[in-house]
C-alpha atoms as a PDB file:
ATOM      1  CA  MET A   1      13.816  16.446 -14.598  1.00  0.00           C
ATOM      2  CA  LYS A   2      13.387  20.209 -12.951  1.00  0.00           C
ATOM      3  CA  LEU A   3      11.851  18.906  -9.782  1.00  0.00           C
ATOM      4  CA  ALA A   4      15.458  17.416  -9.099  1.00  0.00           C
ATOM      5  CA  ASN A   5      16.927  20.179 -10.033  1.00  0.00           C
ATOM      6  CA  PHE A   6      14.816  22.315  -7.905  1.00  0.00           C
ATOM      7  CA  LEU A   7      15.062  20.043  -4.415  1.00  0.00           C
ATOM      8  CA  ASN A   8      19.019  19.985  -5.511  1.00  0.00           C
ATOM      9  CA  LEU A   9      18.899  16.376  -5.135  1.00  0.00           C
ATOM     10  CA  GLY A  10      22.088  16.116  -7.118  1.00  0.00           C
ATOM     11  CA  ILE A  11      20.393  12.845  -9.183  1.00  0.00           C
ATOM     12  CA  GLY A  12      19.512  12.715 -12.603  1.00  0.00           C
ATOM     13  CA  SER A  13      16.722  11.720 -14.194  1.00  0.00           C
ATOM     14  CA  ALA A  14      17.244   7.732 -14.903  1.00  0.00           C
ATOM     15  CA  GLU A  15      18.058   7.842 -11.044  1.00  0.00           C
ATOM     16  CA  PHE A  16      14.619   9.741 -10.043  1.00  0.00           C
ATOM     17  CA  VAL A  17      12.616   7.495 -12.483  1.00  0.00           C
ATOM     18  CA  LEU A  18      14.452   4.518 -10.416  1.00  0.00           C
ATOM     19  CA  LEU A  19      13.457   5.704  -7.402  1.00  0.00           C
ATOM     20  CA  ALA A  20      10.117   6.472  -8.348  1.00  0.00           C
ATOM     21  CA  PHE A  21       9.629   2.762  -9.388  1.00  0.00           C
ATOM     22  CA  ILE A  22      11.297   1.400  -5.903  1.00  0.00           C
ATOM     23  CA  ALA A  23       9.328   3.826  -3.689  1.00  0.00           C
ATOM     24  CA  VAL A  24       5.833   3.837  -4.892  1.00  0.00           C
ATOM     25  CA  PRO A  25       5.358   0.340  -4.597  1.00  0.00           C
ATOM     26  CA  PHE A  26       7.082  -0.141  -1.299  1.00  0.00           C
ATOM     27  CA  LEU A  27       4.566   3.139   0.065  1.00  0.00           C
ATOM     28  CA  LEU A  28       1.855   1.144  -1.456  1.00  0.00           C
ATOM     29  CA  VAL A  29       2.516  -2.069   0.489  1.00  0.00           C
ATOM     30  CA  LEU A  30       3.484  -0.345   3.855  1.00  0.00           C
ATOM     31  CA  TYR A  31      -0.014   1.091   3.705  1.00  0.00           C
ATOM     32  CA  CYS A  32      -1.802  -1.994   2.773  1.00  0.00           C
ATOM     33  CA  ILE A  33      -0.174  -3.406   6.093  1.00  0.00           C
ATOM     34  CA  VAL A  34      -1.032  -0.995   7.941  1.00  0.00           C
ATOM     35  CA  ASP A  35      -4.289  -0.783   6.949  1.00  0.00           C
ATOM     36  CA  ILE A  36      -4.608  -4.617   7.224  1.00  0.00           C
ATOM     37  CA  LEU A  37      -3.460  -4.401  10.615  1.00  0.00           C
ATOM     38  CA  ARG A  38      -5.478  -1.532  12.216  1.00  0.00           C
ATOM     39  CA  ALA A  39      -8.905  -2.755  10.142  1.00  0.00           C
ATOM     40  CA  ASP A  40     -11.385  -4.621  11.394  1.00  0.00           C
ATOM     41  CA  PHE A  41     -12.868  -7.841   9.677  1.00  0.00           C
ATOM     42  CA  LYS A  42     -15.676  -9.673   9.417  1.00  0.00           C
ATOM     43  CA  ASP A  43     -13.271 -12.721   9.933  1.00  0.00           C
ATOM     44  CA  SER A  44     -10.188 -13.373  11.370  1.00  0.00           C
ATOM     45  CA  GLU A  45      -8.837 -15.864   8.496  1.00  0.00           C
ATOM     46  CA  ASN A  46      -9.540 -13.020   6.016  1.00  0.00           C
ATOM     47  CA  LYS A  47      -6.824 -10.698   7.944  1.00  0.00           C
ATOM     48  CA  LEU A  48      -4.222 -13.316   7.662  1.00  0.00           C
ATOM     49  CA  LEU A  49      -5.086 -14.130   4.320  1.00  0.00           C
ATOM     50  CA  PHE A  50      -4.754 -10.473   3.012  1.00  0.00           C
ATOM     51  CA  LEU A  51      -1.521 -10.122   5.221  1.00  0.00           C
ATOM     52  CA  ILE A  52      -0.014 -12.759   3.419  1.00  0.00           C
ATOM     53  CA  LEU A  53      -1.067 -11.946   0.015  1.00  0.00           C
ATOM     54  CA  VAL A  54       0.166  -8.659   0.464  1.00  0.00           C
ATOM     55  CA  LEU A  55       3.534 -10.361   1.793  1.00  0.00           C
ATOM     56  CA  LEU A  56       4.587 -12.661  -1.160  1.00  0.00           C
ATOM     57  CA  VAL A  57       2.975 -11.047  -4.142  1.00  0.00           C
ATOM     58  CA  PRO A  58       3.359  -6.922  -3.168  1.00  0.00           C
ATOM     59  CA  LEU A  59       2.248  -4.933  -5.864  1.00  0.00           C
ATOM     60  CA  ILE A  60      -0.148  -7.252  -7.219  1.00  0.00           C
ATOM     61  CA  GLY A  61      -1.530  -8.303  -3.587  1.00  0.00           C
ATOM     62  CA  GLY A  62      -1.271  -4.558  -2.528  1.00  0.00           C
ATOM     63  CA  LEU A  63      -4.048  -3.395  -5.714  1.00  0.00           C
ATOM     64  CA  VAL A  64      -6.517  -6.706  -4.948  1.00  0.00           C
ATOM     65  CA  TYR A  65      -6.613  -5.627  -1.465  1.00  0.00           C
ATOM     66  CA  LEU A  66      -7.546  -2.076  -2.219  1.00  0.00           C
ATOM     67  CA  VAL A  67     -10.198  -3.161  -4.491  1.00  0.00           C
ATOM     68  CA  LEU A  68     -11.575  -5.747  -2.439  1.00  0.00           C
ATOM     69  CA  ARG A  69     -11.225  -4.564   1.478  1.00  0.00           C
ATOM     70  CA  SER A  70     -14.819  -3.297   1.280  1.00  0.00           C
ATOM     71  CA  ASN A  71     -16.434  -6.610   0.998  1.00  0.00           C
ATOM     72  CA  TYR A  72     -14.462  -7.889   3.655  1.00  0.00           C
ATOM     73  CA  ILE A  73     -14.203  -5.516   6.461  1.00  0.00           C
ATOM     74  CA  LYS A  74     -17.052  -4.211   9.226  1.00  0.00           C
ATOM     75  CA  PRO A  75     -18.721  -1.406   8.312  1.00  0.00           C
ATOM     76  CA  LYS A  76     -17.918   1.432  11.022  1.00  0.00           C
ATOM     77  CA  THR A  77     -20.808   2.054  13.435  1.00  0.00           C
ATOM     78  CA  PRO A  78     -21.418   6.329  13.622  1.00  0.00           C
ATOM     79  CA  PHE A  79     -21.029   7.440  16.796  1.00  0.00           C
ATOM     80  CA  ILE A  80     -23.782   8.926  18.829  1.00  0.00           C
END
């Protein structure tokens, strides 16, 4: 790949694709865990359930959390 050659990583296209398939889900799960821990949920049980879901079923759990999180997080109040 031209990007790997440009960055001079010394990896072939197969390794680059494999790295992408590992890095993208890992970053998704990491983002979801940090977001769950920092978010203010309406019910604290939901925070624990989402955290368990993301940890047990990482890719699907992360996607489910990202889709459903707006229903379970308290709305932010604007500063006046």
